[in-house]
Amino acid sequence: MKPNEYYRNLEGQYLFKDIVDRSEAYLSSHPGQRLLKLGVGDVTLPLPDVIVRAIHEAADEMACQATFRGYGPEQGYKWLRQAVIDNDYLPYGVNINIDEVFISDGAGSDLGNLSELFAKDNKVAVMNPAYPAYVDSTIMAGREITYLNCLAENHFIPQLPEEKADIIYLCFPNNPTGIVLTRQELKKWVEYARANGSVIIFDGAYESFISRPDIPHSIYEIEGADEVAIEVRSYSKSAGFTAIRCGYTIVPEKTGLKALWLRRQTTKYNGTSYISQKAALATYTPEGKKSSRANVEYYKQTARLIKTQLEEAGLSVYGGENAPYIWCRAPYGWDSWRFFDFLLQQCQVVSTPGVGFGSAGEGFVRFSAFSAREDCIEALARIKKTLISNRI
């Protein structure tokens, strides 16, 4: 037996595990202290009533012989796939065929699993900083990576790679920087992919947080994108499904990859649970849309609060307008982990060190707007008091 040696090239431990370990170590040595967590992007508001009712109704169906269901279709039930098309794409003038929609157990799974469709010698371009799964899944497959550095001087917008990239990971609204791309900026990537025979894996998990009218909600709003792009979305942040696990991926026929993805799913995935899919369907009802929008607006207001308060504390801050994340430069030339430890030790606030998202994230930390509002208010008061009043 020989293990996959490429796993040895991964970082020693996953970023968020390191954060948990440091937080637990602090609490062990400071019993009775309460940490305020503004780091991990997990939702805190409860599921809307309409979604909870759908879950109950689906569970009741499973308890009755006449309505019990076993394995569902690997692509997902047609009623949910059609709802995705009718609600998430047609309003933006995008036509998707139902057999191009694949329901899954969340965006995280699909973003990693899509790597299986490509030969090992494909070269991969990844934004830097970026959600760690893009890099980790590429390393696990043994592929060569080109990093697209997203720096403050270019407004954290990735530049086209100088060398040909076969697979390109893009995430907008961006995690961790909170930056978005305009239609013209996104068009450049589609044109690059068409000219170079590349495939774009587009992570649109935070689409529901877009506020500006000039920002496209889907890469398929760009002409020709259906030839070169796979789009991945999730209900985790838009509807609070982080524990329910449901999302979907669009694999257009024109990419030449739809049949491969279908084959992969039918071989290695038995389909998303019926209960999760019924819950997802409820998000498209009038009540579901209203409730989900209200929850997203709550998080957007929290993001604006974090951004404003950090700016008042004298920090350089980005994002927080079209995304639930705030990208904050560490003061005094500190590196990411030093600022993280300062916030933990001096303010009892947990953030996410920017370097954990890639080398270009060094010198930044990420704050998440998914924390409870009262925790955010208290955390920000602690940070401002420490940075301003004590004049460190």
Protein backbone atom coordinates (compact mmCIF):
# COMPACT_ATOMS: atom_id res chain seq x y z
CA MET A 1 0.00 0.00 0.00
CA LYS A 2 1.26 3.46 -0.96
CA PRO A 3 -0.54 6.58 0.32
CA ASN A 4 -1.14 9.64 -1.81
CA GLU A 5 2.20 11.42 -1.33
CA TYR A 6 0.73 14.74 -2.43
CA TYR A 7 -1.06 14.98 0.92
CA ARG A 8 2.35 15.53 2.48
CA ASN A 9 2.55 18.84 0.60
CA LEU A 10 -0.47 20.23 2.45
CA GLU A 11 -0.07 22.64 5.33
CA GLY A 12 0.35 20.93 8.69
CA GLN A 13 -3.26 21.48 9.68
CA TYR A 14 -6.34 23.15 8.32
CA LEU A 15 -6.54 26.90 9.01
CA PHE A 16 -9.72 26.82 11.05
CA LYS A 17 -8.48 23.92 13.19
CA ASP A 18 -5.47 26.06 14.12
CA ILE A 19 -7.80 28.91 15.12
CA VAL A 20 -9.85 26.57 17.30
CA ASP A 21 -6.72 25.20 18.98
CA ARG A 22 -5.41 28.69 19.83
CA SER A 23 -8.79 29.78 21.11
CA GLU A 24 -9.13 26.70 23.33
CA ALA A 25 -5.60 27.18 24.65
CA TYR A 26 -6.48 30.75 25.63
CA LEU A 27 -9.65 29.65 27.43
CA SER A 28 -7.77 26.91 29.27
CA SER A 29 -5.37 29.47 30.72
CA HIS A 30 -8.07 32.11 31.28
CA PRO A 31 -11.04 30.29 32.82
CA GLY A 32 -14.22 32.30 32.93
CA GLN A 33 -13.33 34.50 29.95
CA ARG A 34 -15.79 34.76 27.08
CA LEU A 35 -14.48 34.85 23.54
CA LEU A 36 -16.39 36.76 20.87
CA LYS A 37 -16.06 34.93 17.56
CA LEU A 38 -15.90 37.11 14.46
CA GLY A 39 -13.81 34.65 12.49
CA VAL A 40 -15.51 31.62 11.01
CA GLY A 41 -18.16 32.15 8.32
CA ASP A 42 -20.93 30.16 9.98
CA VAL A 43 -24.42 31.60 10.22
CA THR A 44 -26.07 32.33 13.57
CA LEU A 45 -29.69 33.24 12.77
CA PRO A 46 -32.22 30.39 13.05
CA LEU A 47 -33.83 28.89 9.98
CA PRO A 48 -36.96 30.74 8.79
CA ASP A 49 -40.25 29.16 9.83
CA VAL A 50 -41.21 28.22 6.27
CA ILE A 51 -38.04 26.16 5.92
CA VAL A 52 -38.53 24.48 9.28
CA ARG A 53 -42.09 23.57 8.30
CA ALA A 54 -40.81 22.06 5.05
CA ILE A 55 -38.30 19.96 6.99
CA HIS A 56 -41.03 18.73 9.34
CA GLU A 57 -43.36 17.92 6.47
CA ALA A 58 -40.64 16.04 4.62
CA ALA A 59 -39.75 14.08 7.76
CA ASP A 60 -43.43 13.19 8.23
CA GLU A 61 -43.53 11.93 4.64
CA MET A 62 -40.60 9.66 5.40
CA ALA A 63 -42.55 8.18 8.32
CA CYS A 64 -45.43 7.07 6.09
CA GLN A 65 -45.30 4.02 3.80
CA ALA A 66 -47.25 5.79 1.04
CA THR A 67 -44.91 8.78 0.89
CA PHE A 68 -41.60 7.25 1.99
CA ARG A 69 -38.64 7.79 -0.38
CA GLY A 70 -35.35 5.98 -0.69
CA TYR A 71 -32.53 6.98 -3.02
CA GLY A 72 -33.40 10.01 -5.09
CA PRO A 73 -31.99 10.99 -8.50
CA GLU A 74 -28.27 11.75 -8.32
CA GLN A 75 -28.80 15.09 -10.07
CA GLY A 76 -31.53 16.09 -7.63
CA TYR A 77 -35.30 16.15 -7.93
CA LYS A 78 -36.60 17.92 -11.02
CA TRP A 79 -38.85 20.21 -8.98
CA LEU A 80 -35.84 21.73 -7.20
CA ARG A 81 -33.69 21.93 -10.32
CA GLN A 82 -36.49 23.76 -12.15
CA ALA A 83 -36.91 26.11 -9.18
CA VAL A 84 -33.19 26.94 -9.39
CA ILE A 85 -33.58 27.88 -13.06
CA ASP A 86 -36.79 29.87 -12.57
CA ASN A 87 -35.59 31.87 -9.56
CA ASP A 88 -31.79 32.12 -9.74
CA TYR A 89 -31.16 32.45 -13.47
CA LEU A 90 -34.16 33.45 -15.59
CA PRO A 91 -34.62 36.76 -13.72
CA TYR A 92 -31.13 37.72 -14.96
CA GLY A 93 -31.79 36.64 -18.54
CA VAL A 94 -29.82 33.41 -18.22
CA ASN A 95 -31.20 30.26 -19.83
CA ILE A 96 -30.10 26.99 -18.21
CA ASN A 97 -31.25 23.52 -19.26
CA ILE A 98 -32.57 21.39 -16.42
CA ASP A 99 -30.07 18.61 -17.11
CA GLU A 100 -27.24 21.11 -16.53
CA VAL A 101 -28.31 21.59 -12.88
CA PHE A 102 -26.84 19.23 -10.28
CA ILE A 103 -28.10 19.41 -6.68
CA SER A 104 -25.45 18.59 -4.08
CA ASP A 105 -24.75 18.55 -0.36
CA GLY A 106 -23.06 21.95 -0.54
CA ALA A 107 -20.60 24.08 -2.48
CA GLY A 108 -17.59 22.90 -0.48
CA SER A 109 -17.99 19.32 -1.63
CA ASP A 110 -18.44 20.20 -5.29
CA LEU A 111 -15.53 22.66 -5.37
CA GLY A 112 -13.23 19.84 -4.31
CA ASN A 113 -14.86 17.05 -6.29
CA LEU A 114 -14.79 18.95 -9.60
CA SER A 115 -11.02 18.47 -9.57
CA GLU A 116 -11.61 14.82 -10.49
CA LEU A 117 -12.81 15.77 -13.97
CA PHE A 118 -9.40 16.97 -15.13
CA ALA A 119 -6.14 15.29 -16.09
CA LYS A 120 -3.23 15.64 -13.70
CA ASP A 121 -1.10 17.75 -16.05
CA ASN A 122 -3.62 20.61 -16.18
CA LYS A 123 -2.19 23.83 -14.76
CA VAL A 124 -4.37 25.55 -12.19
CA ALA A 125 -4.67 29.28 -11.44
CA VAL A 126 -5.93 30.20 -7.97
CA MET A 127 -6.61 33.61 -6.48
CA ASN A 128 -4.29 34.53 -3.63
CA PRO A 129 -5.70 34.98 -1.00
CA ALA A 130 -8.48 32.43 -1.49
CA TYR A 131 -10.72 29.91 0.22
CA PRO A 132 -8.22 27.18 1.25
CA ALA A 133 -10.14 24.32 -0.39
CA TYR A 134 -9.17 25.49 -3.90
CA VAL A 135 -5.48 25.16 -3.15
CA ASP A 136 -5.76 22.04 -0.99
CA SER A 137 -7.77 20.06 -3.54
CA THR A 138 -5.28 21.05 -6.26
CA ILE A 139 -2.34 19.96 -4.13
CA MET A 140 -4.07 16.67 -3.33
CA ALA A 141 -4.35 16.03 -7.08
CA GLY A 142 -0.67 16.80 -7.64
CA ARG A 143 -1.26 19.67 -10.06
CA GLU A 144 0.87 22.72 -10.67
CA ILE A 145 -0.51 25.96 -9.22
CA THR A 146 -0.16 29.52 -10.46
CA TYR A 147 -1.11 32.08 -7.82
CA LEU A 148 -3.00 35.19 -8.88
CA ASN A 149 -1.97 37.71 -6.24
CA CYS A 150 -4.81 40.02 -5.21
CA LEU A 151 -3.19 43.04 -3.62
CA ALA A 152 -4.41 46.35 -2.23
CA GLU A 153 -2.69 48.26 -5.03
CA ASN A 154 -4.83 46.47 -7.63
CA HIS A 155 -7.95 46.66 -5.43
CA PHE A 156 -7.64 42.89 -4.72
CA ILE A 157 -8.74 42.14 -8.29
CA PRO A 158 -6.80 39.22 -9.82
CA GLN A 159 -4.85 39.89 -12.98
CA LEU A 160 -4.91 37.52 -15.95
CA PRO A 161 -2.16 34.88 -15.66
CA GLU A 162 0.99 35.47 -17.67
CA GLU A 163 1.27 31.75 -18.42
CA LYS A 164 -1.59 29.68 -19.78
CA ALA A 165 -3.87 28.28 -17.08
CA ASP A 166 -6.12 25.31 -17.88
CA ILE A 167 -8.31 25.54 -14.77
CA ILE A 168 -9.11 28.85 -13.05
CA TYR A 169 -10.79 29.24 -9.66
CA LEU A 170 -12.69 32.51 -9.25
CA CYS A 171 -14.83 33.49 -6.25
CA PHE A 172 -17.05 36.59 -6.34
CA PRO A 173 -18.26 38.14 -4.12
CA ASN A 174 -14.89 37.14 -2.76
CA ASN A 175 -14.01 35.17 0.31
CA PRO A 176 -11.94 36.50 2.10
CA THR A 177 -11.54 40.06 0.73
CA GLY A 178 -15.23 40.86 0.09
CA ILE A 179 -14.40 42.30 -3.34
CA VAL A 180 -16.68 41.96 -6.41
CA LEU A 181 -16.06 42.08 -10.17
CA THR A 182 -17.93 44.33 -12.56
CA ARG A 183 -19.35 42.93 -15.77
CA GLN A 184 -16.41 44.24 -17.80
CA GLU A 185 -13.87 42.74 -15.40
CA LEU A 186 -15.58 39.36 -15.45
CA LYS A 187 -15.84 39.52 -19.24
CA LYS A 188 -12.02 39.61 -19.44
CA TRP A 189 -11.84 36.23 -17.71
CA VAL A 190 -14.46 34.66 -19.96
CA GLU A 191 -12.62 35.94 -23.03
CA TYR A 192 -9.32 34.62 -21.66
CA ALA A 193 -10.83 31.19 -21.02
CA ARG A 194 -12.36 31.02 -24.50
CA ALA A 195 -9.10 32.07 -26.15
CA ASN A 196 -6.99 29.58 -24.17
CA GLY A 197 -9.31 26.59 -23.91
CA SER A 198 -9.51 27.06 -20.13
CA VAL A 199 -12.27 26.18 -17.68
CA ILE A 200 -13.40 28.60 -14.97
CA ILE A 201 -14.74 27.13 -11.74
CA PHE A 202 -16.81 30.01 -10.45
CA ASP A 203 -17.71 30.03 -6.76
CA GLY A 204 -20.87 32.08 -6.37
CA ALA A 205 -21.70 31.09 -2.79
CA TYR A 206 -22.16 34.73 -1.72
CA GLU A 207 -24.24 35.92 -4.67
CA SER A 208 -27.16 36.88 -2.42
CA PHE A 209 -25.03 39.58 -0.75
CA ILE A 210 -24.56 41.62 -3.95
CA SER A 211 -25.91 45.14 -3.51
CA ARG A 212 -24.57 47.07 -6.49
CA PRO A 213 -26.74 46.95 -9.63
CA ASP A 214 -23.70 46.83 -11.96
CA ILE A 215 -22.40 43.56 -10.49
CA PRO A 216 -23.43 40.35 -12.31
CA HIS A 217 -25.11 37.71 -10.15
CA SER A 218 -23.93 34.86 -12.35
CA ILE A 219 -20.96 34.35 -14.63
CA TYR A 220 -23.47 33.20 -17.25
CA GLU A 221 -24.63 36.78 -17.64
CA ILE A 222 -21.42 37.16 -19.67
CA GLU A 223 -21.77 36.08 -23.29
CA GLY A 224 -19.91 32.85 -24.01
CA ALA A 225 -19.47 31.88 -20.35
CA ASP A 226 -21.57 28.77 -20.84
CA GLU A 227 -18.76 27.45 -23.06
CA VAL A 228 -16.06 27.76 -20.42
CA ALA A 229 -17.53 28.07 -16.91
CA ILE A 230 -18.88 25.83 -14.18
CA GLU A 231 -20.80 27.71 -11.48
CA VAL A 232 -21.12 26.48 -7.89
CA ARG A 233 -23.63 27.85 -5.40
CA SER A 234 -24.87 27.08 -1.92
CA TYR A 235 -27.89 27.68 0.31
CA SER A 236 -25.58 27.83 3.34
CA LYS A 237 -25.23 31.59 3.55
CA SER A 238 -28.27 32.74 1.56
CA ALA A 239 -30.73 30.63 3.59
CA GLY A 240 -28.76 29.50 6.65
CA PHE A 241 -28.20 25.91 5.50
CA THR A 242 -24.74 25.34 7.00
CA ALA A 243 -26.11 22.39 9.01
CA ILE A 244 -28.70 21.30 6.42
CA ARG A 245 -26.17 20.88 3.60
CA CYS A 246 -27.57 21.69 0.19
CA GLY A 247 -26.25 23.51 -2.86
CA TYR A 248 -25.97 23.06 -6.58
CA THR A 249 -23.55 23.19 -9.49
CA ILE A 250 -24.26 24.24 -13.07
CA VAL A 251 -22.27 22.31 -15.69
CA PRO A 252 -23.30 23.53 -19.16
CA GLU A 253 -23.38 21.09 -22.05
CA LYS A 254 -21.12 23.39 -24.08
CA THR A 255 -18.22 22.94 -21.65
CA GLY A 256 -17.95 19.28 -22.72
CA LEU A 257 -17.85 18.31 -19.03
CA LYS A 258 -21.51 17.69 -18.23
CA ALA A 259 -21.44 13.99 -19.11
CA LEU A 260 -18.27 13.50 -17.06
CA TRP A 261 -19.79 15.21 -14.02
CA LEU A 262 -22.97 13.17 -14.35
CA ARG A 263 -20.86 9.99 -14.53
CA ARG A 264 -18.88 11.05 -11.48
CA GLN A 265 -22.03 11.81 -9.48
CA THR A 266 -23.82 8.60 -10.42
CA THR A 267 -20.73 6.60 -9.43
CA LYS A 268 -19.68 8.35 -6.23
CA TYR A 269 -22.70 10.24 -4.94
CA ASN A 270 -26.13 8.86 -4.09
CA GLY A 271 -27.87 12.21 -4.11
CA THR A 272 -28.78 14.95 -1.67
CA SER A 273 -31.30 13.98 0.98
CA TYR A 274 -34.97 14.43 0.18
CA ILE A 275 -35.47 16.43 3.38
CA SER A 276 -32.68 18.88 2.47
CA GLN A 277 -34.07 19.35 -1.02
CA LYS A 278 -37.58 20.03 0.27
CA ALA A 279 -36.07 22.60 2.62
CA ALA A 280 -34.25 24.20 -0.31
CA LEU A 281 -37.45 24.31 -2.34
CA ALA A 282 -39.11 26.25 0.48
CA THR A 283 -36.56 29.04 0.05
CA TYR A 284 -38.18 29.84 -3.32
CA THR A 285 -41.69 30.35 -1.94
CA PRO A 286 -42.78 33.97 -1.39
CA GLU A 287 -42.39 33.51 2.38
CA GLY A 288 -39.05 31.78 1.92
CA LYS A 289 -37.69 34.55 -0.29
CA LYS A 290 -38.83 37.25 2.13
CA SER A 291 -37.34 35.50 5.16
CA SER A 292 -34.06 34.66 3.47
CA ARG A 293 -33.68 38.24 2.20
CA ALA A 294 -34.33 39.51 5.73
CA ASN A 295 -31.61 37.28 7.16
CA VAL A 296 -29.13 38.30 4.47
CA GLU A 297 -29.95 41.97 5.10
CA TYR A 298 -29.30 41.44 8.82
CA TYR A 299 -25.82 40.10 8.03
CA LYS A 300 -25.19 42.92 5.53
CA GLN A 301 -26.07 45.49 8.18
CA THR A 302 -23.68 43.75 10.57
CA ALA A 303 -20.96 43.86 7.91
CA ARG A 304 -21.45 47.60 7.47
CA LEU A 305 -21.31 48.03 11.24
CA ILE A 306 -18.02 46.13 11.49
CA LYS A 307 -16.52 48.06 8.60
CA THR A 308 -17.52 51.45 9.99
CA GLN A 309 -16.37 50.73 13.53
CA LEU A 310 -13.00 49.36 12.44
CA GLU A 311 -12.45 52.43 10.28
CA GLU A 312 -13.27 54.63 13.26
CA ALA A 313 -10.60 52.72 15.17
CA GLY A 314 -8.11 53.87 12.53
CA LEU A 315 -7.77 50.60 10.64
CA SER A 316 -7.66 50.14 6.85
CA VAL A 317 -10.67 48.07 5.88
CA TYR A 318 -12.00 46.55 2.63
CA GLY A 319 -15.10 44.60 1.63
CA GLY A 320 -18.20 44.52 3.80
CA GLU A 321 -20.51 46.04 1.16
CA ASN A 322 -21.33 43.23 -1.27
CA ALA A 323 -20.12 40.37 0.90
CA PRO A 324 -20.36 39.25 4.54
CA TYR A 325 -16.59 39.54 5.04
CA ILE A 326 -14.42 42.47 6.08
CA TRP A 327 -10.74 42.39 5.12
CA CYS A 328 -8.71 44.38 7.63
CA ARG A 329 -5.05 45.38 7.41
CA ALA A 330 -3.10 44.72 10.61
CA PRO A 331 -1.77 47.87 12.29
CA TYR A 332 1.87 48.77 12.98
CA GLY A 333 3.17 46.50 10.23
CA TRP A 334 2.21 43.41 12.19
CA ASP A 335 1.83 40.07 10.45
CA SER A 336 -1.50 38.24 10.41
CA TRP A 337 -0.90 35.89 13.32
CA ARG A 338 0.48 38.66 15.53
CA PHE A 339 -2.67 40.71 15.01
CA PHE A 340 -4.80 37.59 15.52
CA ASP A 341 -3.04 36.86 18.81
CA PHE A 342 -3.34 40.50 19.89
CA LEU A 343 -7.09 40.46 19.27
CA LEU A 344 -7.39 37.14 21.09
CA GLN A 345 -5.21 37.99 24.08
CA GLN A 346 -6.07 41.67 24.55
CA CYS A 347 -9.65 41.89 23.27
CA GLN A 348 -10.89 38.28 23.60
CA VAL A 349 -11.99 38.49 19.97
CA VAL A 350 -11.45 35.69 17.45
CA SER A 351 -10.72 36.69 13.84
CA THR A 352 -9.20 34.77 10.93
CA PRO A 353 -5.55 35.45 10.02
CA GLY A 354 -5.31 36.52 6.40
CA VAL A 355 -2.16 34.51 5.71
CA GLY A 356 -4.25 31.38 6.22
CA PHE A 357 -5.88 32.19 2.88
CA GLY A 358 -2.54 32.44 1.08
CA SER A 359 0.75 34.33 1.12
CA ALA A 360 -0.87 37.49 -0.30
CA GLY A 361 -3.12 37.57 2.75
CA GLU A 362 -0.17 38.23 5.04
CA GLY A 363 -0.65 41.36 7.10
CA PHE A 364 -4.46 41.10 7.10
CA VAL A 365 -7.20 39.45 9.15
CA ARG A 366 -10.74 38.62 8.08
CA PHE A 367 -13.80 39.46 10.14
CA SER A 368 -17.11 37.69 9.53
CA ALA A 369 -20.52 39.36 9.72
CA PHE A 370 -22.24 36.08 10.56
CA SER A 371 -21.73 36.55 14.30
CA ALA A 372 -24.59 37.60 16.55
CA ARG A 373 -25.11 41.37 16.37
CA GLU A 374 -24.68 41.86 20.11
CA ASP A 375 -21.38 39.97 20.01
CA CYS A 376 -20.17 42.16 17.17
CA ILE A 377 -21.06 45.34 19.02
CA GLU A 378 -19.23 44.19 22.13
CA ALA A 379 -16.23 42.93 20.16
CA LEU A 380 -15.88 46.17 18.25
CA ALA A 381 -16.11 48.19 21.46
CA ARG A 382 -13.29 46.10 22.91
CA ILE A 383 -11.12 46.57 19.82
CA LYS A 384 -11.71 50.33 19.65
CA LYS A 385 -11.04 50.76 23.36
CA THR A 386 -7.76 48.86 23.11
CA LEU A 387 -6.52 50.54 19.93
CA ILE A 388 -7.64 54.08 20.72
CA SER A 389 -7.87 54.56 24.48
CA ASN A 390 -4.72 52.65 25.39
CA ARG A 391 -2.82 54.05 22.40
CA ILE A 392 -0.82 50.87 21.94
